[in-house]
């Protein structure tokens, strides 16, 4: 039986325009020989600048997947994906690597890109439909899920994200948004949940 190659991912969110951090992460992605870089929203600080937030990863020959957070609009995320092709904005969309299907949706409860739960859920359904036959599935959101550990911050999680976990049973959920929750790992059903925020994680799946 042929052994399936694992997919190695560097995941982080909440960069907030920190180009120094991006430079370090691009070097880490190269040293770790990751297959994908996933940026889980809030790339910018209220869209102050989009320079040097994606380009350094491309210079390291890495495929980058992004979603908007609450600090930038979908239009800005689309612009970054177009400007730094083959970067892909998986907001309401998806990407396949090896036997892994990755889908996502961004936005938040406050800020530039506020999204309603019903709209967030529909975007996740749209993305999931494209990769539903994948052997392994990763869901990427900016918002944390309702009832999760990140709610210690006082910010309620998204009921749509929790419903999507139960509906799609992804192997992994990568979320961000709550800086103080960085590094929190949980499990809901079969889904492993990692709140990366500004703490980079290397994940193999």
Protein backbone atom coordinates (compact mmCIF):
# COMPACT_ATOMS: atom_id res chain seq x y z
CA UNK A 1 0.00 0.00 0.00
CA UNK A 2 1.41 3.37 -1.04
CA UNK A 3 2.03 5.71 1.88
CA UNK A 4 0.48 9.16 1.41
CA UNK A 5 2.86 12.09 1.74
CA UNK A 6 2.07 14.32 4.69
CA UNK A 7 1.46 18.00 4.10
CA UNK A 8 3.56 20.35 6.24
CA UNK A 9 2.04 23.73 7.06
CA UNK A 10 3.19 26.93 8.76
CA UNK A 11 0.11 28.68 10.17
CA UNK A 12 -0.21 32.09 11.82
CA UNK A 13 -2.68 34.96 12.05
CA UNK A 14 -2.83 38.54 13.29
CA UNK A 15 0.33 39.78 11.59
CA UNK A 16 -1.04 43.33 11.75
CA UNK A 17 1.52 44.68 9.31
CA UNK A 18 4.56 43.37 11.20
CA UNK A 19 6.99 43.01 8.31
CA UNK A 20 9.83 42.05 10.65
CA UNK A 21 7.81 39.06 11.84
CA UNK A 22 6.96 38.14 8.24
CA UNK A 23 10.65 38.12 7.33
CA UNK A 24 11.40 35.74 10.21
CA UNK A 25 8.45 33.52 9.29
CA UNK A 26 9.52 33.32 5.64
CA UNK A 27 12.94 32.14 6.79
CA UNK A 28 11.32 29.61 9.14
CA UNK A 29 9.08 28.33 6.34
CA UNK A 30 12.15 27.78 4.17
CA UNK A 31 14.18 26.10 6.92
CA UNK A 32 11.28 23.83 7.89
CA UNK A 33 10.60 23.03 4.22
CA UNK A 34 6.86 23.56 4.60
CA UNK A 35 4.46 22.87 1.75
CA UNK A 36 2.01 25.65 2.60
CA UNK A 37 1.83 28.90 4.54
CA UNK A 38 -1.62 29.75 5.94
CA UNK A 39 -2.31 33.31 7.11
CA UNK A 40 -5.53 33.28 9.14
CA UNK A 41 -6.59 36.91 8.77
CA UNK A 42 -5.63 40.35 10.10
CA UNK A 43 -2.63 40.59 7.83
CA UNK A 44 -2.82 44.38 8.11
CA UNK A 45 -3.42 46.93 10.83
CA UNK A 46 -6.62 48.57 9.60
CA UNK A 47 -5.24 48.33 6.05
CA UNK A 48 -2.46 50.82 6.81
CA UNK A 49 -0.08 48.98 4.47
CA UNK A 50 -0.02 45.74 2.50
CA UNK A 51 3.70 45.88 1.62
CA UNK A 52 5.98 42.94 2.41
CA UNK A 53 3.28 40.83 4.05
CA UNK A 54 3.09 38.09 1.40
CA UNK A 55 6.03 38.67 -0.94
CA UNK A 56 8.73 37.32 1.42
CA UNK A 57 7.01 33.92 1.48
CA UNK A 58 6.96 33.80 -2.32
CA UNK A 59 10.68 34.61 -2.38
CA UNK A 60 11.08 31.46 -0.27
CA UNK A 61 9.06 29.59 -2.95
CA UNK A 62 6.10 28.89 -0.67
CA UNK A 63 2.45 28.53 -1.62
CA UNK A 64 0.47 30.97 0.52
CA UNK A 65 -3.22 30.75 1.47
CA UNK A 66 -4.92 33.76 3.05
CA UNK A 67 -8.28 34.89 4.40
CA UNK A 68 -9.30 38.41 5.46
CA UNK A 69 -9.59 39.17 9.14
CA UNK A 70 -11.55 41.98 10.72
CA UNK A 71 -8.74 44.46 9.94
CA UNK A 72 -8.98 44.18 6.14
CA UNK A 73 -11.71 43.73 3.58
CA UNK A 74 -12.24 40.84 1.18
CA UNK A 75 -11.21 43.26 -1.59
CA UNK A 76 -7.83 43.77 0.08
CA UNK A 77 -7.34 40.02 0.49
CA UNK A 78 -8.25 39.53 -3.18
CA UNK A 79 -5.77 42.25 -4.13
CA UNK A 80 -2.98 40.54 -2.20
CA UNK A 81 -3.78 37.18 -3.81
CA UNK A 82 -3.74 38.74 -7.29
CA UNK A 83 -0.62 40.82 -6.68
CA UNK A 84 1.32 37.88 -5.24
CA UNK A 85 0.09 35.02 -7.43
CA UNK A 86 -0.13 32.06 -6.95
CA UNK A 87 -1.22 33.14 -3.45
CA UNK A 88 -4.89 32.21 -2.98
CA UNK A 89 -7.61 33.85 -0.94
CA UNK A 90 -9.67 30.90 0.36
CA UNK A 91 -12.46 33.13 1.73
CA UNK A 92 -15.50 31.15 0.58
CA UNK A 93 -13.17 29.04 -1.53
CA UNK A 94 -10.67 26.20 -1.24
CA UNK A 95 -7.30 24.71 -2.12
CA UNK A 96 -6.02 21.16 -2.47
CA UNK A 97 -2.57 19.85 -1.60
CA UNK A 98 -1.76 16.16 -1.75
CA UNK A 99 -4.83 14.49 -0.17
CA UNK A 100 -5.71 17.54 1.96
CA UNK A 101 -8.59 19.89 1.16
CA UNK A 102 -8.43 23.33 2.76
CA UNK A 103 -11.37 25.72 2.92
CA UNK A 104 -12.11 28.86 4.86
CA UNK A 105 -13.83 32.16 5.53
CA UNK A 106 -12.63 35.32 7.22
CA UNK A 107 -14.11 38.42 8.78
CA UNK A 108 -14.88 39.12 12.40
CA UNK A 109 -17.29 40.56 14.92
CA UNK A 110 -15.74 44.06 14.95
CA UNK A 111 -13.56 46.25 12.75
CA UNK A 112 -13.36 46.88 9.00
CA UNK A 113 -14.79 43.54 7.93
CA UNK A 114 -17.70 42.62 10.16
CA UNK A 115 -19.48 39.48 9.03
CA UNK A 116 -22.81 38.03 10.12
CA UNK A 117 -22.85 34.45 11.34
CA UNK A 118 -25.28 33.36 8.61
CA UNK A 119 -22.98 34.78 5.91
CA UNK A 120 -19.91 33.20 7.47
CA UNK A 121 -21.60 29.80 7.52
CA UNK A 122 -22.67 30.07 3.87
CA UNK A 123 -19.13 30.96 2.82
CA UNK A 124 -17.78 27.95 4.71
CA UNK A 125 -20.38 25.72 3.07
CA UNK A 126 -19.38 27.06 -0.35
CA UNK A 127 -15.69 26.36 0.26
CA UNK A 128 -16.31 22.94 1.77
CA UNK A 129 -18.43 21.85 -1.19
CA UNK A 130 -15.35 22.19 -3.42
CA UNK A 131 -13.22 19.80 -1.34
CA UNK A 132 -15.82 17.59 0.37
CA UNK A 133 -14.37 14.41 -1.13
CA UNK A 134 -10.85 15.08 0.27
CA UNK A 135 -9.34 12.41 2.50
CA UNK A 136 -8.34 15.06 5.06
CA UNK A 137 -9.89 18.48 5.58
CA UNK A 138 -8.68 21.72 7.15
CA UNK A 139 -11.00 24.63 7.92
CA UNK A 140 -9.49 28.11 8.34
CA UNK A 141 -11.38 30.96 10.01
CA UNK A 142 -10.37 34.23 11.58
CA UNK A 143 -13.07 33.99 14.23
CA UNK A 144 -12.81 31.49 17.09
CA UNK A 145 -15.68 29.08 17.76
CA UNK A 146 -18.52 29.59 20.21
CA UNK A 147 -17.97 27.92 23.56
CA UNK A 148 -14.22 27.53 23.08
CA UNK A 149 -11.31 28.42 25.31
CA UNK A 150 -10.64 31.74 23.55
CA UNK A 151 -13.82 33.13 25.08
CA UNK A 152 -11.92 33.73 28.33
CA UNK A 153 -11.01 37.03 26.62
CA UNK A 154 -14.58 38.26 26.93
CA UNK A 155 -15.16 38.06 23.17
CA UNK A 156 -17.87 35.55 22.28
CA UNK A 157 -16.98 33.02 19.62
CA UNK A 158 -18.87 32.42 16.39
CA UNK A 159 -21.82 30.04 16.47
CA UNK A 160 -21.39 29.64 12.70
CA UNK A 161 -17.85 28.32 13.14
CA UNK A 162 -19.04 25.84 15.78
CA UNK A 163 -21.89 24.71 13.54
CA UNK A 164 -19.49 24.28 10.62
CA UNK A 165 -17.23 22.08 12.75
CA UNK A 166 -20.18 19.82 13.55
CA UNK A 167 -21.49 19.89 9.98
CA UNK A 168 -18.23 19.23 8.11
CA UNK A 169 -16.12 17.40 10.73
CA UNK A 170 -12.80 18.81 9.52
CA UNK A 171 -9.67 17.13 10.83
CA UNK A 172 -8.29 20.53 11.81
CA UNK A 173 -9.56 24.06 12.44
CA UNK A 174 -7.05 26.91 12.35
CA UNK A 175 -8.34 30.17 13.85
CA UNK A 176 -6.92 33.42 15.19
CA UNK A 177 -8.39 36.82 16.24
CA UNK A 178 -7.87 36.63 20.01
CA UNK A 179 -4.20 37.41 20.63
CA UNK A 180 -4.29 36.28 24.24
CA UNK A 181 -5.56 32.86 23.11
CA UNK A 182 -2.52 32.13 20.97
CA UNK A 183 -1.41 28.54 21.29
CA UNK A 184 -4.68 27.23 22.76
CA UNK A 185 -5.49 23.75 21.47
CA UNK A 186 -8.85 22.05 21.88
CA UNK A 187 -10.88 19.24 20.39
CA UNK A 188 -14.52 19.21 19.36
CA UNK A 189 -15.61 15.79 18.18
CA UNK A 190 -12.93 14.58 15.76
CA UNK A 191 -11.73 18.14 15.03
CA UNK A 192 -8.44 19.37 16.42
CA UNK A 193 -8.67 23.14 16.98
CA UNK A 194 -5.61 25.40 17.11
CA UNK A 195 -5.86 29.12 17.80
CA UNK A 196 -2.63 30.37 16.27
CA UNK A 197 -3.08 34.15 16.52
CA UNK A 198 0.47 35.57 16.45
CA UNK A 199 2.13 32.32 17.55
CA UNK A 200 3.36 30.44 14.47
CA UNK A 201 2.69 26.71 14.35
CA UNK A 202 4.18 24.00 12.22
CA UNK A 203 1.52 21.38 11.56
CA UNK A 204 1.80 18.10 9.65
CA UNK A 205 -1.32 16.42 8.37
